[in-house]
Amino acid sequence: MFQTSRLVLNQFGIPYDLSVLLATPNGGYNFAVSGDNLDHFYIGGDFPFNHRYFKVAVPNTNGLGLTEVALWDGKNWNPAVDIYDQTSAAGQSLTLSGIISWTPDKNHSWVRDDTNHGNHTITGLEDLKVYDLYWARLFWTNSASTDTELAYVGHKFSNDYDLYIKYPQFSFTDVKNQHTPGKTTWDDQHYAAAQEIIKDLKAQEILFSENQILSWETFKDAAIHKVANMIWSSFGKDWFAHADRAQIEYVKAFNQSVILIDNNGDARVDLSERLFRTGRLIR
């Protein structure tokens, strides 16, 4: 994620580059946004993008609301539309881990730009020098609870609920403890599975950047089977047959997916992109 995306929190007019800290699921940053007009979270991508997964390590407990996602057109920030916040519960954003998604407004452009070049700077990012990215700006009203903490901002295509439907044995505590004593979730495997899928998509030249992924849901089944493959493989040679079967199911799900990849750089789902199918690509 670090090479293709940047993450910046501008808090009280001071920018904090979180690109490295939140690029892996084991990061952590106290995300006590205040709702002040100076507090914005910026995401930069090498291609236009329409979502990010937010891993919340310590949930917000205040009435925090995500009120705007805006996109930079080279001169101004323009609001996106159809904002969907899966991190919200009972009107409180950043309470749950989940996807925040949006759609660029058809009436405004979104351009790749430098944050600071001569007299032309991106509002809110003037003190940073980052070249040639598309930038989105997120704004929350009110204040987050002071201990709110983000651990990761990136991609995740499945979760334990999805996994247990197809592989109920992985819900058992003794199975988790056999893998790692004290383990409570398979989140690490879900994150790793997303990266494996992205790697396979790049290897087949279906995409050049994960920012081109328009719909994460289409990879859910493939991700579930890849997670199962990883878990079975970790238990040793006695379970390799199970791992192989999960890998076969992964390949099948991957090859049968009707995926939504942004081929024209507008971060919106067009008809031609709806009709694209991976075909038989990996074995």
C-alpha atoms as a PDB file:
ATOM      1  CA  MET A   1       0.000   0.000   0.000  1.00  0.00           C
ATOM      2  CA  PHE A   2       2.813   2.408   0.852  1.00  0.00           C
ATOM      3  CA  GLN A   3       4.089   2.604  -2.719  1.00  0.00           C
ATOM      4  CA  THR A   4       0.704   3.287  -4.289  1.00  0.00           C
ATOM      5  CA  SER A   5      -1.067   5.242  -1.550  1.00  0.00           C
ATOM      6  CA  ARG A   6      -0.384   7.922   1.053  1.00  0.00           C
ATOM      7  CA  LEU A   7      -2.240   8.705   4.298  1.00  0.00           C
ATOM      8  CA  VAL A   8      -2.033  12.109   5.940  1.00  0.00           C
ATOM      9  CA  LEU A   9      -3.859  13.532   8.962  1.00  0.00           C
ATOM     10  CA  ASN A  10      -3.893  17.328   9.114  1.00  0.00           C
ATOM     11  CA  GLN A  11      -4.702  18.099  12.721  1.00  0.00           C
ATOM     12  CA  PHE A  12      -5.020  21.713  13.851  1.00  0.00           C
ATOM     13  CA  GLY A  13      -3.149  22.761  10.718  1.00  0.00           C
ATOM     14  CA  ILE A  14      -0.238  20.351  11.260  1.00  0.00           C
ATOM     15  CA  PRO A  15       0.128  17.447   8.775  1.00  0.00           C
ATOM     16  CA  TYR A  16       1.095  14.004  10.077  1.00  0.00           C
ATOM     17  CA  ASP A  17       2.171  11.501   7.423  1.00  0.00           C
ATOM     18  CA  LEU A  18       0.765   8.142   8.541  1.00  0.00           C
ATOM     19  CA  SER A  19       1.576   6.290   5.312  1.00  0.00           C
ATOM     20  CA  VAL A  20       4.019   3.866   6.925  1.00  0.00           C
ATOM     21  CA  LEU A  21       2.303   3.591  10.288  1.00  0.00           C
ATOM     22  CA  LEU A  22      -1.100   2.564   8.892  1.00  0.00           C
ATOM     23  CA  ALA A  23       0.152   0.605   5.882  1.00  0.00           C
ATOM     24  CA  THR A  24       0.152  -2.714   7.757  1.00  0.00           C
ATOM     25  CA  PRO A  25      -2.599  -4.171   9.992  1.00  0.00           C
ATOM     26  CA  ASN A  26      -0.306  -4.152  13.025  1.00  0.00           C
ATOM     27  CA  GLY A  27       0.068  -0.375  13.104  1.00  0.00           C
ATOM     28  CA  GLY A  28      -1.601   2.000  15.518  1.00  0.00           C
ATOM     29  CA  TYR A  29      -2.343   5.716  15.718  1.00  0.00           C
ATOM     30  CA  ASN A  30      -4.423   7.716  18.174  1.00  0.00           C
ATOM     31  CA  PHE A  31      -7.006   9.200  15.840  1.00  0.00           C
ATOM     32  CA  ALA A  32      -8.520  11.844  18.115  1.00  0.00           C
ATOM     33  CA  VAL A  33      -9.970  14.075  15.383  1.00  0.00           C
ATOM     34  CA  SER A  34     -11.689  17.059  16.943  1.00  0.00           C
ATOM     35  CA  GLY A  35     -14.270  18.046  14.336  1.00  0.00           C
ATOM     36  CA  ASP A  36     -12.384  21.325  13.883  1.00  0.00           C
ATOM     37  CA  ASN A  37     -12.326  22.687  10.332  1.00  0.00           C
ATOM     38  CA  LEU A  38      -8.573  22.124  10.291  1.00  0.00           C
ATOM     39  CA  ASP A  39      -8.910  18.398  10.991  1.00  0.00           C
ATOM     40  CA  HIS A  40      -8.986  16.382   7.776  1.00  0.00           C
ATOM     41  CA  PHE A  41      -7.772  12.949   6.754  1.00  0.00           C
ATOM     42  CA  TYR A  42      -6.202  12.753   3.296  1.00  0.00           C
ATOM     43  CA  ILE A  43      -5.767   9.651   1.158  1.00  0.00           C
ATOM     44  CA  GLY A  44      -3.631   9.781  -1.977  1.00  0.00           C
ATOM     45  CA  GLY A  45      -3.605   7.114  -4.675  1.00  0.00           C
ATOM     46  CA  ASP A  46      -1.703   6.510  -7.905  1.00  0.00           C
ATOM     47  CA  PHE A  47      -5.089   5.778  -9.571  1.00  0.00           C
ATOM     48  CA  PRO A  48      -8.531   7.173  -8.701  1.00  0.00           C
ATOM     49  CA  PHE A  49     -10.190   5.064  -5.984  1.00  0.00           C
ATOM     50  CA  ASN A  50     -13.598   4.771  -4.350  1.00  0.00           C
ATOM     51  CA  HIS A  51     -13.074   3.075  -0.989  1.00  0.00           C
ATOM     52  CA  ARG A  52     -10.774   2.124   1.847  1.00  0.00           C
ATOM     53  CA  TYR A  53     -11.009  -0.395   4.655  1.00  0.00           C
ATOM     54  CA  PHE A  54     -10.458   1.146   8.119  1.00  0.00           C
ATOM     55  CA  LYS A  55      -9.301  -1.161  10.916  1.00  0.00           C
ATOM     56  CA  VAL A  56     -10.381   0.391  14.214  1.00  0.00           C
ATOM     57  CA  ALA A  57      -8.185  -0.821  17.089  1.00  0.00           C
ATOM     58  CA  VAL A  58      -9.893   1.245  19.815  1.00  0.00           C
ATOM     59  CA  PRO A  59     -13.489   2.224  18.943  1.00  0.00           C
ATOM     60  CA  ASN A  60     -14.764   5.762  19.054  1.00  0.00           C
ATOM     61  CA  THR A  61     -17.468   6.268  21.697  1.00  0.00           C
ATOM     62  CA  ASN A  62     -18.515   9.840  20.881  1.00  0.00           C
ATOM     63  CA  GLY A  63     -21.101  11.137  18.397  1.00  0.00           C
ATOM     64  CA  LEU A  64     -18.615  11.386  15.550  1.00  0.00           C
ATOM     65  CA  GLY A  65     -20.076  11.662  12.053  1.00  0.00           C
ATOM     66  CA  LEU A  66     -18.365  11.384   8.664  1.00  0.00           C
ATOM     67  CA  THR A  67     -19.946  14.316   6.827  1.00  0.00           C
ATOM     68  CA  GLU A  68     -17.783  14.770   3.745  1.00  0.00           C
ATOM     69  CA  VAL A  69     -15.528  12.990   1.311  1.00  0.00           C
ATOM     70  CA  ALA A  70     -14.089  15.527  -1.139  1.00  0.00           C
ATOM     71  CA  LEU A  71     -11.885  15.049  -4.207  1.00  0.00           C
ATOM     72  CA  TRP A  72      -9.225  17.431  -5.528  1.00  0.00           C
ATOM     73  CA  ASP A  73      -9.782  18.757  -9.073  1.00  0.00           C
ATOM     74  CA  GLY A  74      -6.527  20.708  -9.369  1.00  0.00           C
ATOM     75  CA  LYS A  75      -7.953  23.897  -7.855  1.00  0.00           C
ATOM     76  CA  ASN A  76     -10.710  22.979  -5.406  1.00  0.00           C
ATOM     77  CA  TRP A  77     -12.112  20.231  -3.217  1.00  0.00           C
ATOM     78  CA  ASN A  78     -15.424  18.906  -4.561  1.00  0.00           C
ATOM     79  CA  PRO A  79     -17.767  16.686  -2.527  1.00  0.00           C
ATOM     80  CA  ALA A  80     -18.155  13.078  -3.606  1.00  0.00           C
ATOM     81  CA  VAL A  81     -21.599  11.485  -3.517  1.00  0.00           C
ATOM     82  CA  ASP A  82     -23.152   8.249  -2.230  1.00  0.00           C
ATOM     83  CA  ILE A  83     -20.915   8.083   0.851  1.00  0.00           C
ATOM     84  CA  TYR A  84     -21.251   4.787   2.710  1.00  0.00           C
ATOM     85  CA  ASP A  85     -19.638   4.394   6.132  1.00  0.00           C
ATOM     86  CA  GLN A  86     -19.454   0.812   7.405  1.00  0.00           C
ATOM     87  CA  THR A  87     -17.476   1.989  10.435  1.00  0.00           C
ATOM     88  CA  SER A  88     -20.572   3.726  11.817  1.00  0.00           C
ATOM     89  CA  ALA A  89     -22.899   2.314  14.473  1.00  0.00           C
ATOM     90  CA  ALA A  90     -25.779   4.258  16.025  1.00  0.00           C
ATOM     91  CA  GLY A  91     -24.551   7.388  14.242  1.00  0.00           C
ATOM     92  CA  GLN A  92     -21.005   7.112  15.559  1.00  0.00           C
ATOM     93  CA  SER A  93     -18.301   6.783  12.918  1.00  0.00           C
ATOM     94  CA  LEU A  94     -15.089   4.823  13.574  1.00  0.00           C
ATOM     95  CA  THR A  95     -16.944   2.593  16.024  1.00  0.00           C
ATOM     96  CA  LEU A  96     -16.447  -0.537  13.916  1.00  0.00           C
ATOM     97  CA  SER A  97     -13.848  -1.733  11.458  1.00  0.00           C
ATOM     98  CA  GLY A  98     -15.186  -1.530   7.926  1.00  0.00           C
ATOM     99  CA  ILE A  99     -15.241   0.038   4.483  1.00  0.00           C
ATOM    100  CA  ILE A 100     -15.762   3.726   3.808  1.00  0.00           C
ATOM    101  CA  SER A 101     -16.776   4.189   0.170  1.00  0.00           C
ATOM    102  CA  TRP A 102     -17.903   7.007  -2.110  1.00  0.00           C
ATOM    103  CA  THR A 103     -18.622   7.868  -5.752  1.00  0.00           C
ATOM    104  CA  PRO A 104     -17.012  10.820  -7.594  1.00  0.00           C
ATOM    105  CA  ASP A 105     -19.536  13.426  -8.725  1.00  0.00           C
ATOM    106  CA  LYS A 106     -19.974  13.245 -12.510  1.00  0.00           C
ATOM    107  CA  ASN A 107     -20.020  17.052 -12.677  1.00  0.00           C
ATOM    108  CA  HIS A 108     -16.486  17.462 -11.337  1.00  0.00           C
ATOM    109  CA  SER A 109     -13.097  16.213 -12.462  1.00  0.00           C
ATOM    110  CA  TRP A 110     -10.506  14.482 -10.305  1.00  0.00           C
ATOM    111  CA  VAL A 111      -6.893  15.062 -11.295  1.00  0.00           C
ATOM    112  CA  ARG A 112      -3.482  13.735 -10.339  1.00  0.00           C
ATOM    113  CA  ASP A 113      -1.542  16.528  -8.709  1.00  0.00           C
ATOM    114  CA  ASP A 114       1.533  17.423  -6.635  1.00  0.00           C
ATOM    115  CA  THR A 115       0.811  18.572  -3.112  1.00  0.00           C
ATOM    116  CA  ASN A 116       3.148  21.535  -3.381  1.00  0.00           C
ATOM    117  CA  HIS A 117       4.602  23.038  -6.553  1.00  0.00           C
ATOM    118  CA  GLY A 118       5.388  26.727  -6.694  1.00  0.00           C
ATOM    119  CA  ASN A 119       2.337  28.898  -6.184  1.00  0.00           C
ATOM    120  CA  HIS A 120       0.002  25.965  -6.727  1.00  0.00           C
ATOM    121  CA  THR A 121      -0.620  23.820  -3.642  1.00  0.00           C
ATOM    122  CA  ILE A 122      -3.290  21.395  -2.508  1.00  0.00           C
ATOM    123  CA  THR A 123      -5.252  22.976   0.310  1.00  0.00           C
ATOM    124  CA  GLY A 124      -4.364  21.269   3.574  1.00  0.00           C
ATOM    125  CA  LEU A 125      -1.259  19.566   2.197  1.00  0.00           C
ATOM    126  CA  GLU A 126       0.869  22.649   1.588  1.00  0.00           C
ATOM    127  CA  ASP A 127       3.620  21.549   3.976  1.00  0.00           C
ATOM    128  CA  LEU A 128       4.221  18.202   2.253  1.00  0.00           C
ATOM    129  CA  LYS A 129       5.959  17.417  -1.006  1.00  0.00           C
ATOM    130  CA  VAL A 130       4.258  14.416  -2.636  1.00  0.00           C
ATOM    131  CA  TYR A 131       4.168  13.994  -6.410  1.00  0.00           C
ATOM    132  CA  ASP A 132       1.444  12.906  -8.821  1.00  0.00           C
ATOM    133  CA  LEU A 133      -1.370  11.393  -6.770  1.00  0.00           C
ATOM    134  CA  TYR A 134      -5.139  11.605  -6.747  1.00  0.00           C
ATOM    135  CA  TRP A 135      -6.273  12.963  -3.383  1.00  0.00           C
ATOM    136  CA  ALA A 136      -9.426  12.405  -1.338  1.00  0.00           C
ATOM    137  CA  ARG A 137     -10.207  14.345   1.851  1.00  0.00           C
ATOM    138  CA  LEU A 138     -12.395  12.981   4.659  1.00  0.00           C
ATOM    139  CA  PHE A 139     -13.964  15.193   7.299  1.00  0.00           C
ATOM    140  CA  TRP A 140     -15.693  14.201  10.544  1.00  0.00           C
ATOM    141  CA  THR A 141     -17.876  16.534  12.635  1.00  0.00           C
ATOM    142  CA  ASN A 142     -17.803  16.638  16.428  1.00  0.00           C
ATOM    143  CA  SER A 143     -14.943  15.000  18.304  1.00  0.00           C
ATOM    144  CA  ALA A 144     -13.770  11.427  18.503  1.00  0.00           C
ATOM    145  CA  SER A 145     -13.188   9.977  21.945  1.00  0.00           C
ATOM    146  CA  THR A 146      -9.601  10.685  22.942  1.00  0.00           C
ATOM    147  CA  ASP A 147      -8.534   7.033  22.927  1.00  0.00           C
ATOM    148  CA  THR A 148      -9.880   6.263  19.418  1.00  0.00           C
ATOM    149  CA  GLU A 149      -7.180   4.368  17.544  1.00  0.00           C
ATOM    150  CA  LEU A 150      -6.762   3.273  13.928  1.00  0.00           C
ATOM    151  CA  ALA A 151      -4.547   0.303  13.151  1.00  0.00           C
ATOM    152  CA  TYR A 152      -4.722   0.054   9.358  1.00  0.00           C
ATOM    153  CA  VAL A 153      -6.176   1.743   6.286  1.00  0.00           C
ATOM    154  CA  GLY A 154      -6.105  -0.385   3.148  1.00  0.00           C
ATOM    155  CA  HIS A 155      -7.876  -3.464   1.757  1.00  0.00           C
ATOM    156  CA  LYS A 156      -9.754  -6.407   3.210  1.00  0.00           C
ATOM    157  CA  PHE A 157     -12.236  -8.552   1.263  1.00  0.00           C
ATOM    158  CA  SER A 158     -13.597 -11.006   3.857  1.00  0.00           C
ATOM    159  CA  ASN A 159     -14.113 -11.463   7.585  1.00  0.00           C
ATOM    160  CA  ASP A 160     -14.584 -14.220  10.138  1.00  0.00           C
ATOM    161  CA  TYR A 161     -18.366 -14.250   9.730  1.00  0.00           C
ATOM    162  CA  ASP A 162     -17.926 -15.013   6.025  1.00  0.00           C
ATOM    163  CA  LEU A 163     -15.250 -17.610   6.789  1.00  0.00           C
ATOM    164  CA  TYR A 164     -17.339 -19.512   9.353  1.00  0.00           C
ATOM    165  CA  ILE A 165     -20.220 -19.975   6.920  1.00  0.00           C
ATOM    166  CA  LYS A 166     -18.027 -22.035   4.572  1.00  0.00           C
ATOM    167  CA  TYR A 167     -15.504 -23.342   7.126  1.00  0.00           C
ATOM    168  CA  PRO A 168     -17.332 -23.610  10.500  1.00  0.00           C
ATOM    169  CA  GLN A 169     -14.457 -25.579  12.066  1.00  0.00           C
ATOM    170  CA  PHE A 170     -12.378 -22.399  12.159  1.00  0.00           C
ATOM    171  CA  SER A 171     -14.817 -20.860  14.637  1.00  0.00           C
ATOM    172  CA  PHE A 172     -13.721 -23.279  17.385  1.00  0.00           C
ATOM    173  CA  THR A 173     -11.493 -21.852  20.081  1.00  0.00           C
ATOM    174  CA  ASP A 174      -9.260 -24.938  20.201  1.00  0.00           C
ATOM    175  CA  VAL A 175      -8.554 -24.631  16.456  1.00  0.00           C
ATOM    176  CA  LYS A 176      -7.510 -21.013  16.917  1.00  0.00           C
ATOM    177  CA  ASN A 177      -5.336 -21.922  19.887  1.00  0.00           C
ATOM    178  CA  GLN A 178      -3.749 -24.741  17.899  1.00  0.00           C
ATOM    179  CA  HIS A 179      -2.706 -22.135  15.349  1.00  0.00           C
ATOM    180  CA  THR A 180      -1.601 -19.493  17.865  1.00  0.00           C
ATOM    181  CA  PRO A 181      -2.248 -19.631  21.624  1.00  0.00           C
ATOM    182  CA  GLY A 182      -4.718 -16.921  22.602  1.00  0.00           C
ATOM    183  CA  LYS A 183      -5.792 -16.247  19.015  1.00  0.00           C
ATOM    184  CA  THR A 184      -9.322 -14.822  18.810  1.00  0.00           C
ATOM    185  CA  THR A 185      -9.726 -13.854  15.152  1.00  0.00           C
ATOM    186  CA  TRP A 186      -8.332 -14.736  11.727  1.00  0.00           C
ATOM    187  CA  ASP A 187      -7.920 -11.071  10.789  1.00  0.00           C
ATOM    188  CA  ASP A 188      -4.229 -11.439   9.929  1.00  0.00           C
ATOM    189  CA  GLN A 189      -5.108 -14.128   7.398  1.00  0.00           C
ATOM    190  CA  HIS A 190      -7.913 -12.015   5.905  1.00  0.00           C
ATOM    191  CA  TYR A 191      -5.486  -9.127   5.324  1.00  0.00           C
ATOM    192  CA  ALA A 192      -2.907 -11.476   3.841  1.00  0.00           C
ATOM    193  CA  ALA A 193      -5.530 -13.045   1.567  1.00  0.00           C
ATOM    194  CA  ALA A 194      -6.465  -9.621   0.197  1.00  0.00           C
ATOM    195  CA  GLN A 195      -2.834  -8.980  -0.661  1.00  0.00           C
ATOM    196  CA  GLU A 196      -2.555 -12.374  -2.371  1.00  0.00           C
ATOM    197  CA  ILE A 197      -5.594 -11.595  -4.513  1.00  0.00           C
ATOM    198  CA  ILE A 198      -4.168  -8.197  -5.437  1.00  0.00           C
ATOM    199  CA  LYS A 199      -0.867  -9.862  -6.317  1.00  0.00           C
ATOM    200  CA  ASP A 200      -2.640 -12.381  -8.577  1.00  0.00           C
ATOM    201  CA  LEU A 201      -4.629  -9.607 -10.271  1.00  0.00           C
ATOM    202  CA  LYS A 202      -1.406  -7.726 -10.997  1.00  0.00           C
ATOM    203  CA  ALA A 203       0.380 -10.860 -12.196  1.00  0.00           C
ATOM    204  CA  GLN A 204      -2.397 -11.424 -14.742  1.00  0.00           C
ATOM    205  CA  GLU A 205      -2.265  -7.718 -15.736  1.00  0.00           C
ATOM    206  CA  ILE A 206      -5.921  -7.291 -14.842  1.00  0.00           C
ATOM    207  CA  LEU A 207      -4.897  -4.219 -12.879  1.00  0.00           C
ATOM    208  CA  PHE A 208      -1.766  -2.190 -12.235  1.00  0.00           C
ATOM    209  CA  SER A 209      -2.781  -0.783  -8.853  1.00  0.00           C
ATOM    210  CA  GLU A 210      -5.107  -1.931  -6.085  1.00  0.00           C
ATOM    211  CA  ASN A 211      -6.658   1.528  -6.305  1.00  0.00           C
ATOM    212  CA  GLN A 212      -8.405   0.346  -9.488  1.00  0.00           C
ATOM    213  CA  ILE A 213     -10.572  -2.103  -7.538  1.00  0.00           C
ATOM    214  CA  LEU A 214     -14.106  -0.694  -7.621  1.00  0.00           C
ATOM    215  CA  SER A 215     -15.922  -3.401  -5.660  1.00  0.00           C
ATOM    216  CA  TRP A 216     -14.373  -5.422  -2.865  1.00  0.00           C
ATOM    217  CA  GLU A 217     -17.438  -7.697  -2.489  1.00  0.00           C
ATOM    218  CA  THR A 218     -16.674  -9.597  -5.679  1.00  0.00           C
ATOM    219  CA  PHE A 219     -13.516 -11.013  -4.096  1.00  0.00           C
ATOM    220  CA  LYS A 220     -15.179 -12.257  -0.906  1.00  0.00           C
ATOM    221  CA  ASP A 221     -15.482 -15.925  -1.876  1.00  0.00           C
ATOM    222  CA  ALA A 222     -11.956 -16.078  -3.255  1.00  0.00           C
ATOM    223  CA  ALA A 223     -10.623 -14.441  -0.099  1.00  0.00           C
ATOM    224  CA  ILE A 224     -12.448 -16.914   2.155  1.00  0.00           C
ATOM    225  CA  HIS A 225     -10.864 -19.897   0.406  1.00  0.00           C
ATOM    226  CA  LYS A 226      -7.435 -18.280   0.404  1.00  0.00           C
ATOM    227  CA  VAL A 227      -7.738 -17.736   4.169  1.00  0.00           C
ATOM    228  CA  ALA A 228      -8.669 -21.407   4.615  1.00  0.00           C
ATOM    229  CA  ASN A 229      -5.687 -22.422   2.482  1.00  0.00           C
ATOM    230  CA  MET A 230      -3.376 -20.370   4.690  1.00  0.00           C
ATOM    231  CA  ILE A 231      -4.804 -21.794   7.917  1.00  0.00           C
ATOM    232  CA  TRP A 232      -4.669 -25.437   6.823  1.00  0.00           C
ATOM    233  CA  SER A 233      -1.145 -24.975   5.478  1.00  0.00           C
ATOM    234  CA  SER A 234       0.031 -23.641   8.835  1.00  0.00           C
ATOM    235  CA  PHE A 235      -0.983 -26.874  10.627  1.00  0.00           C
ATOM    236  CA  GLY A 236       1.650 -28.960   8.857  1.00  0.00           C
ATOM    237  CA  LYS A 237       1.819 -31.786   6.338  1.00  0.00           C
ATOM    238  CA  ASP A 238      -1.056 -33.782   7.881  1.00  0.00           C
ATOM    239  CA  TRP A 239      -3.399 -31.023   6.725  1.00  0.00           C
ATOM    240  CA  PHE A 240      -1.898 -30.296   3.318  1.00  0.00           C
ATOM    241  CA  ALA A 241      -4.727 -32.157   1.538  1.00  0.00           C
ATOM    242  CA  HIS A 242      -7.221 -29.762   3.139  1.00  0.00           C
ATOM    243  CA  ALA A 243      -5.020 -26.829   2.132  1.00  0.00           C
ATOM    244  CA  ASP A 244      -4.895 -28.093  -1.450  1.00  0.00           C
ATOM    245  CA  ARG A 245      -8.692 -28.391  -1.626  1.00  0.00           C
ATOM    246  CA  ALA A 246      -9.060 -24.839  -0.305  1.00  0.00           C
ATOM    247  CA  GLN A 247      -6.586 -23.634  -2.935  1.00  0.00           C
ATOM    248  CA  ILE A 248      -8.619 -25.355  -5.666  1.00  0.00           C
ATOM    249  CA  GLU A 249     -11.720 -23.563  -4.404  1.00  0.00           C
ATOM    250  CA  TYR A 250      -9.771 -20.295  -4.349  1.00  0.00           C
ATOM    251  CA  VAL A 251      -8.739 -20.666  -7.977  1.00  0.00           C
ATOM    252  CA  LYS A 252     -12.292 -21.558  -8.959  1.00  0.00           C
ATOM    253  CA  ALA A 253     -13.763 -18.538  -7.135  1.00  0.00           C
ATOM    254  CA  PHE A 254     -11.109 -16.206  -8.527  1.00  0.00           C
ATOM    255  CA  ASN A 255     -11.604 -17.360 -12.101  1.00  0.00           C
ATOM    256  CA  GLN A 256     -15.391 -17.169 -11.901  1.00  0.00           C
ATOM    257  CA  SER A 257     -15.494 -13.704 -10.381  1.00  0.00           C
ATOM    258  CA  VAL A 258     -17.152 -10.892 -12.265  1.00  0.00           C
ATOM    259  CA  ILE A 259     -14.814  -8.195 -11.028  1.00  0.00           C
ATOM    260  CA  LEU A 260     -15.160  -4.450 -11.204  1.00  0.00           C
ATOM    261  CA  ILE A 261     -11.874  -2.840 -12.218  1.00  0.00           C
ATOM    262  CA  ASP A 262     -11.561   0.845 -13.088  1.00  0.00           C
ATOM    263  CA  ASN A 263     -10.184   0.832 -16.628  1.00  0.00           C
ATOM    264  CA  ASN A 264     -10.945   4.446 -17.578  1.00  0.00           C
ATOM    265  CA  GLY A 265      -9.739   6.247 -14.444  1.00  0.00           C
ATOM    266  CA  ASP A 266     -12.996   7.755 -13.188  1.00  0.00           C
ATOM    267  CA  ALA A 267     -13.460   5.628 -10.023  1.00  0.00           C
ATOM    268  CA  ARG A 268     -17.048   4.906 -11.074  1.00  0.00           C
ATOM    269  CA  VAL A 269     -18.602   1.636 -12.218  1.00  0.00           C
ATOM    270  CA  ASP A 270     -19.387   1.896 -15.930  1.00  0.00           C
ATOM    271  CA  LEU A 271     -21.365  -0.618 -17.992  1.00  0.00           C
ATOM    272  CA  SER A 272     -18.305  -2.036 -19.757  1.00  0.00           C
ATOM    273  CA  GLU A 273     -16.617  -2.563 -16.401  1.00  0.00           C
ATOM    274  CA  ARG A 274     -19.681  -4.391 -15.060  1.00  0.00           C
ATOM    275  CA  LEU A 275     -19.408  -6.909 -17.890  1.00  0.00           C
ATOM    276  CA  PHE A 276     -15.722  -7.748 -17.364  1.00  0.00           C
ATOM    277  CA  ARG A 277     -14.977 -11.289 -16.177  1.00  0.00           C
ATOM    278  CA  THR A 278     -11.585 -12.630 -15.165  1.00  0.00           C
ATOM    279  CA  GLY A 279     -11.903 -15.867 -17.173  1.00  0.00           C
ATOM    280  CA  ARG A 280      -9.578 -18.819 -16.561  1.00  0.00           C
ATOM    281  CA  LEU A 281      -6.476 -17.007 -15.434  1.00  0.00           C
ATOM    282  CA  ILE A 282      -4.762 -18.797 -12.560  1.00  0.00           C
ATOM    283  CA  ARG A 283      -4.180 -22.445 -11.748  1.00  0.00           C
END
